[in-house]
Protein backbone atom coordinates (compact mmCIF):
# COMPACT_ATOMS: atom_id res chain seq x y z
CA MET A 1 -47.21 40.75 27.45
CA LYS A 2 -43.84 40.11 25.67
CA GLY A 3 -46.90 40.76 22.60
CA LYS A 4 -48.17 43.76 23.63
CA ILE A 5 -44.26 45.86 24.24
CA ALA A 6 -43.06 44.22 21.10
CA VAL A 7 -46.65 46.29 19.37
CA VAL A 8 -45.07 49.10 21.20
CA VAL A 9 -41.37 49.25 20.37
CA MET A 10 -42.92 48.77 16.12
CA ALA A 11 -45.40 51.01 16.27
CA ALA A 12 -43.23 53.82 18.20
CA LEU A 13 -39.89 52.80 15.38
CA LEU A 14 -42.94 53.17 12.58
CA VAL A 15 -44.47 56.35 13.72
CA PHE A 16 -40.69 57.83 13.95
CA TYR A 17 -40.13 56.65 10.43
CA LEU A 18 -43.83 57.71 9.41
CA VAL A 19 -42.52 61.52 11.17
CA LEU A 20 -39.81 61.93 9.18
CA VAL A 21 -40.76 60.49 6.04
CA GLY A 22 -42.98 63.67 6.74
CA VAL A 23 -40.70 66.44 7.62
CA ARG A 24 -39.24 64.82 4.54
CA ALA A 25 -42.06 65.06 2.03
CA VAL A 26 -42.47 69.45 3.85
CA LEU A 27 -39.25 70.02 2.42
CA PHE A 28 -39.70 68.89 -1.20
CA ILE A 29 -42.88 70.68 -0.96
CA GLN A 30 -41.71 73.85 -0.24
CA SER A 31 -38.88 73.18 -3.54
CA GLY A 32 -40.88 75.01 -5.52
CA GLU A 33 -39.80 72.71 -8.04
CA PRO A 34 -42.41 70.98 -10.09
CA VAL A 35 -40.77 67.42 -9.28
CA GLY A 36 -40.26 67.94 -6.02
CA ILE A 37 -43.70 69.10 -4.96
CA ALA A 38 -44.89 65.66 -7.42
CA ILE A 39 -42.40 64.25 -5.18
CA GLY A 40 -43.15 66.09 -1.85
CA LEU A 41 -47.44 64.70 -2.35
CA ALA A 42 -46.40 61.95 -2.74
CA LEU A 43 -44.07 60.64 0.54
CA LEU A 44 -46.63 62.78 2.18
CA LEU A 45 -49.38 60.17 0.97
CA LEU A 46 -47.20 57.46 2.56
CA PRO A 47 -47.00 58.62 6.37
CA LEU A 48 -50.88 59.06 6.01
CA ILE A 49 -51.45 55.71 4.55
CA GLY A 50 -48.89 54.39 7.44
CA PHE A 51 -50.81 56.06 10.24
CA TRP A 52 -54.80 54.85 9.12
CA ALA A 53 -52.70 51.25 9.24
CA LEU A 54 -50.80 51.16 12.63
CA ALA A 55 -54.61 52.40 13.44
CA ARG A 56 -55.86 49.62 11.59
CA GLU A 57 -53.96 46.97 13.46
CA VAL A 58 -53.94 48.11 17.01
CA ALA A 59 -57.29 48.30 17.01
CA PHE A 60 -58.00 44.95 15.42
CA GLY A 61 -55.51 44.52 18.32
CA ILE A 62 -57.18 45.44 21.37
CA ARG A 63 -61.27 44.52 19.98
CA SER A 64 -60.01 40.67 19.42
CA GLU A 65 -57.82 40.37 23.39
CA ARG A 66 -61.40 42.62 24.13
CA LEU A 67 -63.87 39.75 22.61
CA VAL A 68 -61.31 36.58 23.92
CA ARG A 69 -61.21 37.34 26.83
CA GLU A 70 -64.67 38.04 27.16
CA LEU A 71 -65.43 34.12 25.81
CA ASP A 72 -62.49 33.14 27.93
CA GLU A 73 -64.75 34.60 31.32
CA GLN A 74 -67.56 33.33 30.20
CA GLY A 75 -66.76 29.82 30.15
CA GLY A 76 -66.74 29.78 26.49
CA LEU A 77 -63.16 29.23 24.89
CA PRO A 78 -62.92 26.11 23.56
CA ALA A 79 -60.76 23.60 24.67
CA ALA A 80 -57.28 23.88 25.18
CA ASP A 81 -56.75 19.70 24.89
CA VAL A 82 -55.27 19.92 21.25
CA PRO A 83 -51.03 18.95 21.70
CA VAL A 84 -48.85 21.67 20.75
CA ARG A 85 -44.66 21.65 19.78
CA PRO A 86 -42.50 23.12 22.00
CA SER A 87 -43.00 27.24 20.56
CA GLY A 88 -46.47 26.79 21.59
CA ARG A 89 -48.60 26.64 18.65
CA PRO A 90 -50.23 23.86 18.49
CA TYR A 91 -50.15 20.50 15.91
CA ARG A 92 -52.39 21.73 12.24
CA ASP A 93 -54.06 17.71 12.74
CA ALA A 94 -54.86 17.64 16.05
CA ALA A 95 -56.16 22.02 15.02
CA ASP A 96 -57.86 20.42 12.00
CA GLU A 97 -60.10 18.16 13.70
CA GLN A 98 -61.36 21.22 15.97
CA PHE A 99 -62.22 21.99 13.22
CA PRO A 100 -65.74 21.48 12.06
CA ALA A 101 -67.41 21.38 14.98
CA ALA A 102 -66.78 25.44 15.47
CA GLN A 103 -67.77 25.76 11.79
CA ALA A 104 -71.04 24.09 11.96
CA ALA A 105 -71.38 26.51 15.27
CA VAL A 106 -71.95 29.62 12.73
CA GLU A 107 -73.49 27.81 10.77
CA ALA A 108 -75.79 27.10 12.91
CA GLU A 109 -76.11 30.58 14.76
CA PRO A 110 -73.79 32.68 12.11
CA GLU A 111 -75.20 35.95 13.87
CA ASN A 112 -73.09 34.74 16.81
CA TRP A 113 -70.18 36.48 17.81
CA HIS A 114 -68.79 33.97 19.84
CA ALA A 115 -69.42 31.28 17.47
CA TRP A 116 -67.13 33.66 14.93
CA LEU A 117 -64.29 34.26 17.29
CA ARG A 118 -64.42 29.99 17.28
CA LEU A 119 -63.99 29.61 14.07
CA GLY A 120 -60.90 32.38 13.94
CA LEU A 121 -59.31 30.95 16.69
CA ALA A 122 -60.18 27.22 14.98
CA TYR A 123 -59.14 28.90 11.74
CA ASP A 124 -55.78 30.33 13.55
CA ALA A 125 -54.72 26.90 15.21
CA SER A 126 -54.90 25.09 12.21
CA GLY A 127 -52.89 27.92 10.33
CA ASP A 128 -54.62 30.07 8.42
CA ARG A 129 -54.26 33.72 9.32
CA LYS A 130 -55.69 34.90 6.55
CA ARG A 131 -59.59 33.62 7.71
CA ALA A 132 -58.24 33.81 11.77
CA ARG A 133 -58.41 37.24 11.06
CA GLY A 134 -61.46 37.28 7.87
CA ALA A 135 -63.19 35.71 11.54
CA ILE A 136 -62.58 38.10 14.06
CA ARG A 137 -63.31 40.71 12.31
CA THR A 138 -66.84 39.43 11.12
CA ALA A 139 -66.83 38.91 15.71
CA ILE A 140 -65.84 41.98 15.90
CA SER A 141 -68.43 43.47 13.59
CA LEU A 142 -71.33 41.52 15.13
CA GLU A 143 -70.89 41.68 18.93
CA ARG A 144 -70.23 46.08 18.09
CA ASN A 145 -73.33 45.97 16.51
CA PRO A 146 -76.38 42.81 17.31
CA LYS A 147 -78.46 42.44 14.53
């Protein structure tokens, strides 16, 4: 719950910042000066990119959380018997031991979103966030568009 509150607070602050930048962009454009118009247009583009990125990240979080909850309800989450640090993060060596099984499941059933989600969780436990997000995005895509 603490993580969700932090996301909401950060998103609200980002929206506030982007609105302020958007207001300044409009003021630059209204100046009528060519340089001011150019700066205003550039500043207007930044909030649009920011809103897009924020929406994409929030949607990813909502969708991935829904899939994890669904997998948990089905009893398909990986076993939580990996030793963890006091922070709650798994020890990498122990997490790496469970990774080959998750990868083999994806290779056996590449169209199964359950397998991709487990692979994403294994990547995350091993500390590879980039690949974890990629695998989870694949799981989301497969769940939304089954073949």
